[in-house]
Amino acid sequence: MCAPKQHVKPWNKLERALPLVFQTRYGDVPRCNSNGSTMRETDEFKYFAKSGVTNVIEELS
């Protein structure tokens, strides 16, 4: 188990990482995610491995 980072809400980082990977993989964000279309990558993949997020997207697609 990893020690928590101060002032970082990991669920927010993951919530941003998922549509970013989805958009990269499929060319657009999911239809019902209107907020994700203007999202740009910041530090989400500092906390979550891009390959792990990609695997989750592939498993659920």
PDB file of N, CA and C in Angstrom:
ATOM      1  N   MET A   1       0.839  -1.182   0.000  1.00  0.00           N
ATOM      2  CA  MET A   1       0.000   0.000   0.000  1.00  0.00           C
ATOM      3  C   MET A   1       0.886   1.248   0.000  1.00  0.00           C
ATOM      4  N   CYS A   2       0.483   2.255  -0.724  1.00  0.00           N
ATOM      5  CA  CYS A   2       1.253   3.490  -0.830  1.00  0.00           C
ATOM      6  C   CYS A   2       0.786   4.506   0.205  1.00  0.00           C
ATOM      7  N   ALA A   3       1.701   5.344   0.610  1.00  0.00           N
ATOM      8  CA  ALA A   3       1.346   6.429   1.522  1.00  0.00           C
ATOM      9  C   ALA A   3       0.551   7.478   0.754  1.00  0.00           C
ATOM     10  N   PRO A   4      -0.495   8.044   1.380  1.00  0.00           N
ATOM     11  CA  PRO A   4      -1.285   9.060   0.676  1.00  0.00           C
ATOM     12  C   PRO A   4      -0.478  10.339   0.446  1.00  0.00           C
ATOM     13  N   LYS A   5      -0.768  11.015  -0.638  1.00  0.00           N
ATOM     14  CA  LYS A   5      -0.129  12.292  -0.952  1.00  0.00           C
ATOM     15  C   LYS A   5      -0.954  13.396  -0.304  1.00  0.00           C
ATOM     16  N   GLN A   6      -0.283  14.373   0.251  1.00  0.00           N
ATOM     17  CA  GLN A   6      -1.008  15.472   0.873  1.00  0.00           C
ATOM     18  C   GLN A   6      -1.698  16.326  -0.179  1.00  0.00           C
ATOM     19  N   HIS A   7      -2.919  16.698   0.100  1.00  0.00           N
ATOM     20  CA  HIS A   7      -3.710  17.596  -0.735  1.00  0.00           C
ATOM     21  C   HIS A   7      -3.991  17.039  -2.130  1.00  0.00           C
ATOM     22  N   VAL A   8      -3.950  15.720  -2.295  1.00  0.00           N
ATOM     23  CA  VAL A   8      -4.265  15.095  -3.578  1.00  0.00           C
ATOM     24  C   VAL A   8      -5.470  14.187  -3.377  1.00  0.00           C
ATOM     25  N   LYS A   9      -6.486  14.393  -4.182  1.00  0.00           N
ATOM     26  CA  LYS A   9      -7.674  13.538  -4.148  1.00  0.00           C
ATOM     27  C   LYS A   9      -7.559  12.566  -5.315  1.00  0.00           C
ATOM     28  N   PRO A  10      -7.136  11.330  -5.046  1.00  0.00           N
ATOM     29  CA  PRO A  10      -6.851  10.396  -6.135  1.00  0.00           C
ATOM     30  C   PRO A  10      -8.062  10.091  -7.007  1.00  0.00           C
ATOM     31  N   TRP A  11      -9.261  10.114  -6.437  1.00  0.00           N
ATOM     32  CA  TRP A  11     -10.438   9.845  -7.258  1.00  0.00           C
ATOM     33  C   TRP A  11     -10.630  10.926  -8.311  1.00  0.00           C
ATOM     34  N   ASN A  12     -10.252  12.156  -8.013  1.00  0.00           N
ATOM     35  CA  ASN A  12     -10.344  13.226  -9.014  1.00  0.00           C
ATOM     36  C   ASN A  12      -9.333  13.010 -10.133  1.00  0.00           C
ATOM     37  N   LYS A  13      -8.141  12.572  -9.779  1.00  0.00           N
ATOM     38  CA  LYS A  13      -7.115  12.310 -10.786  1.00  0.00           C
ATOM     39  C   LYS A  13      -7.532  11.163 -11.699  1.00  0.00           C
ATOM     40  N   LEU A  14      -8.095  10.089 -11.110  1.00  0.00           N
ATOM     41  CA  LEU A  14      -8.546   8.957 -11.906  1.00  0.00           C
ATOM     42  C   LEU A  14      -9.740   9.343 -12.774  1.00  0.00           C
ATOM     43  N   GLU A  15     -10.623  10.171 -12.224  1.00  0.00           N
ATOM     44  CA  GLU A  15     -11.796  10.629 -12.977  1.00  0.00           C
ATOM     45  C   GLU A  15     -11.377  11.445 -14.194  1.00  0.00           C
ATOM     46  N   ARG A  16     -10.256  12.100 -14.121  1.00  0.00           N
ATOM     47  CA  ARG A  16      -9.739  12.847 -15.273  1.00  0.00           C
ATOM     48  C   ARG A  16      -8.946  11.944 -16.214  1.00  0.00           C
ATOM     49  N   ALA A  17      -8.226  10.968 -15.662  1.00  0.00           N
ATOM     50  CA  ALA A  17      -7.379  10.097 -16.481  1.00  0.00           C
ATOM     51  C   ALA A  17      -8.205   9.204 -17.407  1.00  0.00           C
ATOM     52  N   LEU A  18      -9.331   8.697 -16.937  1.00  0.00           N
ATOM     53  CA  LEU A  18     -10.146   7.773 -17.737  1.00  0.00           C
ATOM     54  C   LEU A  18     -10.625   8.383 -19.056  1.00  0.00           C
ATOM     55  N   PRO A  19     -11.262   9.554 -19.058  1.00  0.00           N
ATOM     56  CA  PRO A  19     -11.677  10.106 -20.360  1.00  0.00           C
ATOM     57  C   PRO A  19     -10.508  10.517 -21.253  1.00  0.00           C
ATOM     58  N   LEU A  20      -9.376  10.902 -20.651  1.00  0.00           N
ATOM     59  CA  LEU A  20      -8.205  11.243 -21.474  1.00  0.00           C
ATOM     60  C   LEU A  20      -7.714  10.030 -22.251  1.00  0.00           C
ATOM     61  N   VAL A  21      -7.633   8.885 -21.587  1.00  0.00           N
ATOM     62  CA  VAL A  21      -7.208   7.661 -22.267  1.00  0.00           C
ATOM     63  C   VAL A  21      -8.260   7.224 -23.269  1.00  0.00           C
ATOM     64  N   PHE A  22      -9.524   7.314 -22.904  1.00  0.00           N
ATOM     65  CA  PHE A  22     -10.614   6.937 -23.817  1.00  0.00           C
ATOM     66  C   PHE A  22     -10.550   7.775 -25.090  1.00  0.00           C
ATOM     67  N   GLN A  23     -10.321   9.067 -24.932  1.00  0.00           N
ATOM     68  CA  GLN A  23     -10.242   9.964 -26.087  1.00  0.00           C
ATOM     69  C   GLN A  23      -9.045   9.614 -26.978  1.00  0.00           C
ATOM     70  N   THR A  24      -7.931   9.288 -26.372  1.00  0.00           N
ATOM     71  CA  THR A  24      -6.752   8.890 -27.145  1.00  0.00           C
ATOM     72  C   THR A  24      -7.021   7.606 -27.911  1.00  0.00           C
ATOM     73  N   ARG A  25      -7.666   6.667 -27.265  1.00  0.00           N
ATOM     74  CA  ARG A  25      -7.904   5.342 -27.862  1.00  0.00           C
ATOM     75  C   ARG A  25      -8.987   5.365 -28.937  1.00  0.00           C
ATOM     76  N   TYR A  26     -10.089   6.094 -28.685  1.00  0.00           N
ATOM     77  CA  TYR A  26     -11.254   6.041 -29.573  1.00  0.00           C
ATOM     78  C   TYR A  26     -11.536   7.345 -30.330  1.00  0.00           C
ATOM     79  N   GLY A  27     -10.716   8.373 -30.124  1.00  0.00           N
ATOM     80  CA  GLY A  27     -10.854   9.606 -30.894  1.00  0.00           C
ATOM     81  C   GLY A  27     -11.796  10.639 -30.313  1.00  0.00           C
ATOM     82  N   ASP A  28     -12.560  10.295 -29.299  1.00  0.00           N
ATOM     83  CA  ASP A  28     -13.478  11.234 -28.660  1.00  0.00           C
ATOM     84  C   ASP A  28     -13.802  10.713 -27.268  1.00  0.00           C
ATOM     85  N   VAL A  29     -14.293  11.593 -26.419  1.00  0.00           N
ATOM     86  CA  VAL A  29     -14.694  11.161 -25.082  1.00  0.00           C
ATOM     87  C   VAL A  29     -16.031  10.420 -25.164  1.00  0.00           C
ATOM     88  N   PRO A  30     -16.404   9.665 -24.137  1.00  0.00           N
ATOM     89  CA  PRO A  30     -17.706   8.998 -24.155  1.00  0.00           C
ATOM     90  C   PRO A  30     -18.839  10.006 -24.382  1.00  0.00           C
ATOM     91  N   ARG A  31     -19.876   9.583 -25.050  1.00  0.00           N
ATOM     92  CA  ARG A  31     -20.983  10.478 -25.450  1.00  0.00           C
ATOM     93  C   ARG A  31     -21.567  11.280 -24.304  1.00  0.00           C
ATOM     94  N   CYS A  32     -21.740  10.678 -23.159  1.00  0.00           N
ATOM     95  CA  CYS A  32     -22.399  11.358 -22.032  1.00  0.00           C
ATOM     96  C   CYS A  32     -21.427  12.174 -21.183  1.00  0.00           C
ATOM     97  N   ASN A  33     -20.185  12.264 -21.579  1.00  0.00           N
ATOM     98  CA  ASN A  33     -19.194  13.017 -20.820  1.00  0.00           C
ATOM     99  C   ASN A  33     -18.872  14.315 -21.552  1.00  0.00           C
ATOM    100  N   SER A  34     -19.718  15.287 -21.404  1.00  0.00           N
ATOM    101  CA  SER A  34     -19.531  16.553 -22.122  1.00  0.00           C
ATOM    102  C   SER A  34     -18.357  17.358 -21.559  1.00  0.00           C
ATOM    103  N   ASN A  35     -18.033  17.214 -20.293  1.00  0.00           N
ATOM    104  CA  ASN A  35     -16.926  17.970 -19.706  1.00  0.00           C
ATOM    105  C   ASN A  35     -15.572  17.490 -20.210  1.00  0.00           C
ATOM    106  N   GLY A  36     -15.455  16.234 -20.562  1.00  0.00           N
ATOM    107  CA  GLY A  36     -14.172  15.672 -20.954  1.00  0.00           C
ATOM    108  C   GLY A  36     -13.663  16.132 -22.303  1.00  0.00           C
ATOM    109  N   SER A  37     -14.522  16.686 -23.146  1.00  0.00           N
ATOM    110  CA  SER A  37     -14.101  17.033 -24.507  1.00  0.00           C
ATOM    111  C   SER A  37     -13.071  18.158 -24.547  1.00  0.00           C
ATOM    112  N   THR A  38     -13.046  19.023 -23.552  1.00  0.00           N
ATOM    113  CA  THR A  38     -12.081  20.131 -23.533  1.00  0.00           C
ATOM    114  C   THR A  38     -10.920  19.870 -22.573  1.00  0.00           C
ATOM    115  N   MET A  39     -10.891  18.705 -21.970  1.00  0.00           N
ATOM    116  CA  MET A  39      -9.891  18.371 -20.971  1.00  0.00           C
ATOM    117  C   MET A  39      -8.518  18.137 -21.610  1.00  0.00           C
ATOM    118  N   ARG A  40      -7.490  18.618 -20.952  1.00  0.00           N
ATOM    119  CA  ARG A  40      -6.117  18.402 -21.385  1.00  0.00           C
ATOM    120  C   ARG A  40      -5.357  17.712 -20.256  1.00  0.00           C
ATOM    121  N   GLU A  41      -4.381  16.918 -20.623  1.00  0.00           N
ATOM    122  CA  GLU A  41      -3.594  16.180 -19.640  1.00  0.00           C
ATOM    123  C   GLU A  41      -2.760  17.135 -18.788  1.00  0.00           C
ATOM    124  N   THR A  42      -2.792  16.910 -17.485  1.00  0.00           N
ATOM    125  CA  THR A  42      -1.935  17.679 -16.562  1.00  0.00           C
ATOM    126  C   THR A  42      -1.021  16.691 -15.838  1.00  0.00           C
ATOM    127  N   ASP A  43      -1.358  16.341 -14.612  1.00  0.00           N
ATOM    128  CA  ASP A  43      -0.492  15.443 -13.840  1.00  0.00           C
ATOM    129  C   ASP A  43      -1.173  14.126 -13.473  1.00  0.00           C
ATOM    130  N   GLU A  44      -2.235  13.765 -14.183  1.00  0.00           N
ATOM    131  CA  GLU A  44      -2.997  12.557 -13.859  1.00  0.00           C
ATOM    132  C   GLU A  44      -2.126  11.299 -13.893  1.00  0.00           C
ATOM    133  N   PHE A  45      -1.215  11.222 -14.832  1.00  0.00           N
ATOM    134  CA  PHE A  45      -0.429  10.009 -15.011  1.00  0.00           C
ATOM    135  C   PHE A  45       0.825  10.007 -14.140  1.00  0.00           C
ATOM    136  N   LYS A  46       0.938  11.020 -13.304  1.00  0.00           N
ATOM    137  CA  LYS A  46       1.942  11.005 -12.240  1.00  0.00           C
ATOM    138  C   LYS A  46       1.447  10.083 -11.115  1.00  0.00           C
ATOM    139  N   TYR A  47       0.125   9.966 -10.998  1.00  0.00           N
ATOM    140  CA  TYR A  47      -0.489   9.179  -9.931  1.00  0.00           C
ATOM    141  C   TYR A  47      -0.991   7.820 -10.401  1.00  0.00           C
ATOM    142  N   PHE A  48      -1.330   7.694 -11.673  1.00  0.00           N
ATOM    143  CA  PHE A  48      -1.846   6.449 -12.237  1.00  0.00           C
ATOM    144  C   PHE A  48      -1.091   6.137 -13.517  1.00  0.00           C
ATOM    145  N   ALA A  49      -0.664   4.898 -13.660  1.00  0.00           N
ATOM    146  CA  ALA A  49       0.048   4.484 -14.866  1.00  0.00           C
ATOM    147  C   ALA A  49      -0.906   4.506 -16.059  1.00  0.00           C
ATOM    148  N   LYS A  50      -0.476   5.118 -17.125  1.00  0.00           N
ATOM    149  CA  LYS A  50      -1.307   5.200 -18.326  1.00  0.00           C
ATOM    150  C   LYS A  50      -1.664   3.812 -18.845  1.00  0.00           C
ATOM    151  N   SER A  51      -0.730   2.874 -18.745  1.00  0.00           N
ATOM    152  CA  SER A  51      -1.011   1.509 -19.205  1.00  0.00           C
ATOM    153  C   SER A  51      -2.097   0.851 -18.355  1.00  0.00           C
ATOM    154  N   GLY A  52      -2.107   1.123 -17.070  1.00  0.00           N
ATOM    155  CA  GLY A  52      -3.142   0.566 -16.200  1.00  0.00           C
ATOM    156  C   GLY A  52      -4.512   1.147 -16.507  1.00  0.00           C
ATOM    157  N   VAL A  53      -4.567   2.441 -16.744  1.00  0.00           N
ATOM    158  CA  VAL A  53      -5.837   3.083 -17.094  1.00  0.00           C
ATOM    159  C   VAL A  53      -6.317   2.573 -18.451  1.00  0.00           C
ATOM    160  N   THR A  54      -5.390   2.387 -19.386  1.00  0.00           N
ATOM    161  CA  THR A  54      -5.738   1.840 -20.706  1.00  0.00           C
ATOM    162  C   THR A  54      -6.304   0.441 -20.563  1.00  0.00           C
ATOM    163  N   ASN A  55      -5.714  -0.377 -19.711  1.00  0.00           N
ATOM    164  CA  ASN A  55      -6.226  -1.735 -19.489  1.00  0.00           C
ATOM    165  C   ASN A  55      -7.653  -1.723 -18.944  1.00  0.00           C
ATOM    166  N   VAL A  56      -7.929  -0.807 -18.038  1.00  0.00           N
ATOM    167  CA  VAL A  56      -9.288  -0.690 -17.480  1.00  0.00           C
ATOM    168  C   VAL A  56     -10.274  -0.319 -18.591  1.00  0.00           C
ATOM    169  N   ILE A  57      -9.922   0.653 -19.422  1.00  0.00           N
ATOM    170  CA  ILE A  57     -10.780   1.077 -20.527  1.00  0.00           C
ATOM    171  C   ILE A  57     -11.028  -0.096 -21.475  1.00  0.00           C
ATOM    172  N   GLU A  58      -9.990  -0.836 -21.818  1.00  0.00           N
ATOM    173  CA  GLU A  58     -10.138  -1.962 -22.738  1.00  0.00           C
ATOM    174  C   GLU A  58     -11.016  -3.065 -22.145  1.00  0.00           C
ATOM    175  N   GLU A  59     -10.864  -3.332 -20.861  1.00  0.00           N
ATOM    176  CA  GLU A  59     -11.676  -4.363 -20.213  1.00  0.00           C
ATOM    177  C   GLU A  59     -13.159  -3.987 -20.182  1.00  0.00           C
ATOM    178  N   LEU A  60     -13.425  -2.691 -20.025  1.00  0.00           N
ATOM    179  CA  LEU A  60     -14.819  -2.250 -19.908  1.00  0.00           C
ATOM    180  C   LEU A  60     -15.461  -1.919 -21.256  1.00  0.00           C
ATOM    181  N   SER A  61     -14.678  -1.888 -22.304  1.00  0.00           N
ATOM    182  CA  SER A  61     -15.222  -1.528 -23.625  1.00  0.00           C
ATOM    183  C   SER A  61     -15.710  -2.761 -24.365  1.00  0.00           C
TER     184      SER A  61
END
